[in-house]
Each structure stands twice: as structure tokens, then as C-alpha cells.
Protein backbone atom coordinates (compact mmCIF):
# COMPACT_ATOMS: atom_id res chain seq x y z
CA MET A 1 18.45 -18.98 3.66
CA HIS A 2 22.05 -18.10 4.52
CA ALA A 3 23.40 -15.67 1.96
CA MET A 4 26.91 -15.51 3.39
CA GLY A 5 28.55 -17.92 0.96
CA GLY A 6 31.45 -20.07 2.06
CA GLY A 7 30.23 -23.31 0.50
CA GLY A 8 31.26 -26.64 1.91
CA HIS A 9 29.25 -29.17 3.86
CA PRO A 10 27.68 -27.69 7.03
CA GLY A 11 27.75 -31.08 8.79
CA ALA A 12 31.53 -31.07 9.07
CA GLY A 13 31.62 -27.74 10.93
CA ALA A 14 28.66 -28.69 13.10
CA ALA A 15 30.48 -31.96 14.12
CA VAL A 16 33.58 -29.98 15.19
CA ILE A 17 31.49 -27.52 17.14
CA ALA A 18 29.32 -30.24 18.73
CA SER A 19 32.41 -32.06 20.03
CA ALA A 20 33.96 -28.91 21.58
CA ALA A 21 33.39 -27.76 25.15
CA PRO A 22 30.81 -24.92 25.34
CA GLY A 23 33.44 -22.55 26.83
CA ALA A 24 35.83 -23.30 23.96
CA VAL A 25 33.10 -22.66 21.36
CA GLU A 26 32.19 -19.36 22.99
CA GLU A 27 35.86 -18.29 23.14
CA TRP A 28 36.41 -19.31 19.47
CA LEU A 29 33.28 -17.46 18.34
CA CYS A 30 34.30 -14.32 20.26
CA GLU A 31 37.76 -14.31 18.75
CA PHE A 32 36.39 -15.10 15.27
CA ILE A 33 33.83 -12.31 15.34
CA ALA A 34 35.94 -9.72 17.16
CA GLY A 35 36.97 -8.05 13.89
CA ASN A 36 33.50 -8.27 12.40
CA GLN A 37 31.38 -6.27 14.88
CA GLN A 38 29.98 -4.05 12.10
CA SER A 39 28.23 -7.01 10.47
CA SER A 40 24.86 -6.02 9.08
CA VAL A 41 23.39 -9.51 9.72
CA GLN A 42 20.81 -9.49 12.48
CA VAL A 43 18.84 -12.16 14.30
CA SER A 44 15.81 -11.20 12.15
CA ASP A 45 17.79 -12.48 9.11
CA LEU A 46 18.36 -15.90 10.66
CA MET A 47 15.17 -16.50 12.65
CA SER A 48 12.38 -18.83 11.59
CA PHE A 49 8.81 -17.60 11.35
CA PRO A 50 5.94 -18.03 11.78
CA VAL A 51 6.68 -19.70 15.07
CA PHE A 52 5.18 -23.03 15.97
CA SER A 53 4.05 -22.72 19.60
CA ILE A 54 1.76 -24.47 22.03
CA SER A 55 -0.63 -23.41 24.79
CA PRO A 56 0.26 -23.98 28.45
CA THR A 57 -2.85 -26.16 28.78
CA VAL A 58 -1.84 -28.75 26.15
CA SER A 59 -1.07 -32.12 27.76
CA MET A 60 2.47 -33.42 27.89
CA ARG A 61 1.34 -36.41 25.76
CA GLU A 62 -0.06 -34.12 23.08
CA ALA A 63 3.00 -31.91 23.19
CA ALA A 64 5.27 -34.94 22.72
CA GLY A 65 3.25 -35.92 19.65
CA LEU A 66 3.39 -32.40 18.21
CA LEU A 67 7.17 -32.19 18.73
CA ARG A 68 7.61 -35.56 16.99
CA GLU A 69 5.31 -34.48 14.14
CA LYS A 70 7.17 -31.17 13.62
CA GLY A 71 10.60 -32.67 14.13
CA CYS A 72 11.36 -30.18 16.94
CA THR A 73 13.27 -30.67 20.19
CA GLY A 74 11.54 -27.77 21.89
CA VAL A 75 8.79 -25.22 21.51
CA PRO A 76 7.73 -21.87 22.99
CA VAL A 77 4.68 -21.98 25.21
CA VAL A 78 2.48 -19.03 24.40
CA ASP A 79 -0.59 -17.62 26.20
CA ASN A 80 -2.43 -14.54 24.88
CA ASP A 81 0.46 -13.77 22.44
CA LYS A 82 3.02 -13.77 25.30
CA VAL A 83 5.77 -16.32 25.77
CA VAL A 84 5.17 -17.85 29.19
CA GLY A 85 7.61 -20.79 28.93
CA ILE A 86 9.69 -23.11 26.85
CA LEU A 87 9.10 -26.82 26.63
CA SER A 88 12.13 -28.83 25.60
CA ARG A 89 13.11 -32.45 25.40
CA ARG A 90 14.81 -32.05 28.80
CA ASP A 91 11.44 -31.30 30.43
CA PHE A 92 10.14 -34.72 29.47
CA LYS A 93 12.89 -36.33 31.56
CA ARG A 94 11.17 -34.92 34.64
CA ILE A 95 8.11 -37.08 34.09
CA GLY A 96 8.21 -39.75 36.77
CA LYS A 97 5.16 -41.85 35.90
CA PRO A 98 3.00 -42.40 32.84
CA SER A 99 0.00 -40.68 34.45
CA GLN A 100 1.94 -37.39 34.39
CA LEU A 101 1.67 -37.37 30.58
CA LYS A 102 -1.92 -36.13 31.17
CA ALA A 103 -0.58 -33.06 32.99
CA PRO A 104 -0.53 -29.71 31.14
CA VAL A 105 2.81 -28.52 29.77
CA LYS A 106 2.69 -25.59 32.27
CA ALA A 107 3.49 -28.13 35.03
CA PHE A 108 6.77 -29.13 33.34
CA MET A 109 7.87 -26.19 31.11
CA SER A 110 10.76 -23.90 31.95
CA THR A 111 9.43 -20.52 32.95
CA HIS A 112 12.82 -18.78 32.95
CA VAL A 113 12.77 -17.90 29.29
CA MET A 114 15.73 -16.17 27.64
CA THR A 115 14.73 -14.06 24.65
CA ILE A 116 16.38 -11.78 22.10
CA GLY A 117 15.38 -8.84 19.92
CA PRO A 118 15.25 -9.00 16.13
CA GLY A 119 18.00 -6.34 15.78
CA SER A 120 20.48 -8.24 17.88
CA SER A 121 23.59 -9.83 16.35
CA PRO A 122 24.03 -13.53 15.72
CA MET A 123 26.99 -13.33 18.13
CA ALA A 124 24.66 -12.05 20.92
CA ALA A 125 22.33 -14.94 20.26
CA ALA A 126 25.20 -17.49 20.36
CA ARG A 127 26.52 -16.05 23.59
CA ILE A 128 23.13 -16.34 25.32
CA MET A 129 22.63 -19.91 24.07
CA VAL A 130 26.11 -21.02 25.12
CA LYS A 131 26.04 -19.24 28.49
CA HIS A 132 22.65 -20.68 29.43
CA ASP A 133 23.04 -24.03 27.58
CA ILE A 134 19.83 -23.57 25.66
CA GLY A 135 18.94 -24.56 22.09
CA ARG A 136 16.43 -21.89 21.12
CA LEU A 137 15.69 -18.22 21.65
CA PRO A 138 12.31 -16.70 21.03
CA VAL A 139 12.64 -13.40 19.14
CA ILE A 140 10.50 -10.77 20.82
CA GLU A 141 9.36 -7.38 19.51
CA ASP A 142 6.77 -5.23 21.32
CA ASP A 143 6.25 -8.02 23.88
CA LYS A 144 5.19 -10.49 21.11
CA ILE A 145 6.97 -13.48 19.65
CA ILE A 146 7.83 -12.76 16.00
CA GLY A 147 10.34 -15.56 15.37
CA ILE A 148 12.75 -18.03 16.88
CA ILE A 149 16.48 -18.63 16.42
CA THR A 150 17.97 -22.00 17.25
CA ARG A 151 21.49 -23.06 18.09
CA SER A 152 21.61 -24.75 14.68
CA ASP A 153 20.66 -21.45 12.92
CA ALA A 154 23.47 -19.61 14.71
CA MET A 155 26.06 -22.35 14.14
CA LEU A 156 25.20 -22.60 10.44
CA TYR A 157 25.58 -18.84 10.10
CA PHE A 158 29.05 -18.95 11.67
CA TYR A 159 30.04 -21.96 9.62
CA ASP A 160 28.96 -20.10 6.44
CA ILE A 161 31.21 -17.14 7.22
CA LEU A 162 34.31 -19.22 7.88
CA PRO A 163 37.00 -18.51 5.36
CA GLY A 164 37.56 -21.10 2.59
């Protein structure tokens, strides 16, 4: 998937990045990429598609099962081909009592959705995710979701381009 070479074990770089403060990671990435602004790699090269999404009317219980089944920590909520929210693991922490698991995801999803275009750079995606402390960005073209890029996708890309 990542054609940038570099070899090595991605887990080691991910552990270093995971243990760093978000501000330090952003500063490091900015410095690292500063000389590489002409990179031809775009978000469309790193994004996953087709995108697994759910309807705003799906129950929180059903959404939890789907996330477990897919091995995801979050999912775009789509209505009539438009992203109307993001449901992440954090949203489940807002459930106060078991009966709320019957509620639709629209009652708990985040409606302030950050998105990115397919022609944007991996650096732009990383900046948005670090600044807003989010783990996934829907990739939008012509008002429709065409893919998704995760924090892991971006970090693996940067790890792959590290020298030696």
C-alpha cells in the first residue's frame, strides 16, 4: 500500500510517535516535511475505500457491534451520501445508562466533522488530525465521501519516508 520504501518495522516508529506529545509530533512532522513540499503523494494515495459507514438511525448497540466486527474505533455517519457525523469510541463514553444503547447514533455522534479533499497532502491531513485530536478524516469530493484517511495511515506514511 505504501510505496515509499524505507523498510523497517512500522511498530517501532508508531510507538515513538504515540508516546510523544501531540504538539511535539506536529512540530517534528512540520520540520521533517519542510523540505519536501513538492511531494506528489496525495491523500487519495493513502485513503481507504470503499468506506464503511453507518446510518444516523442505527442504534448505539448495533453500532458497537459493527465497530467490533470491523475492528474499527470510529466510523463516518452518512445520510443520503452526505457525511452528517462521526461516531468514535469516545462517543460511547457519553452513554450513562444501558437503556441509552437503544438510542440512534445521531444522539451521540459528533456533528462537527473535519474533512479533507483527495488532492491534499499527507502533511495537511496530519496537521488537521493533530490540531483537532481526531483519528480519522473522511475524504470528500463533490460533497460525497470517497474515502477515509486515519491517523495510522498518515503515521505509517511518515514512518515509511524516514531516512534509513
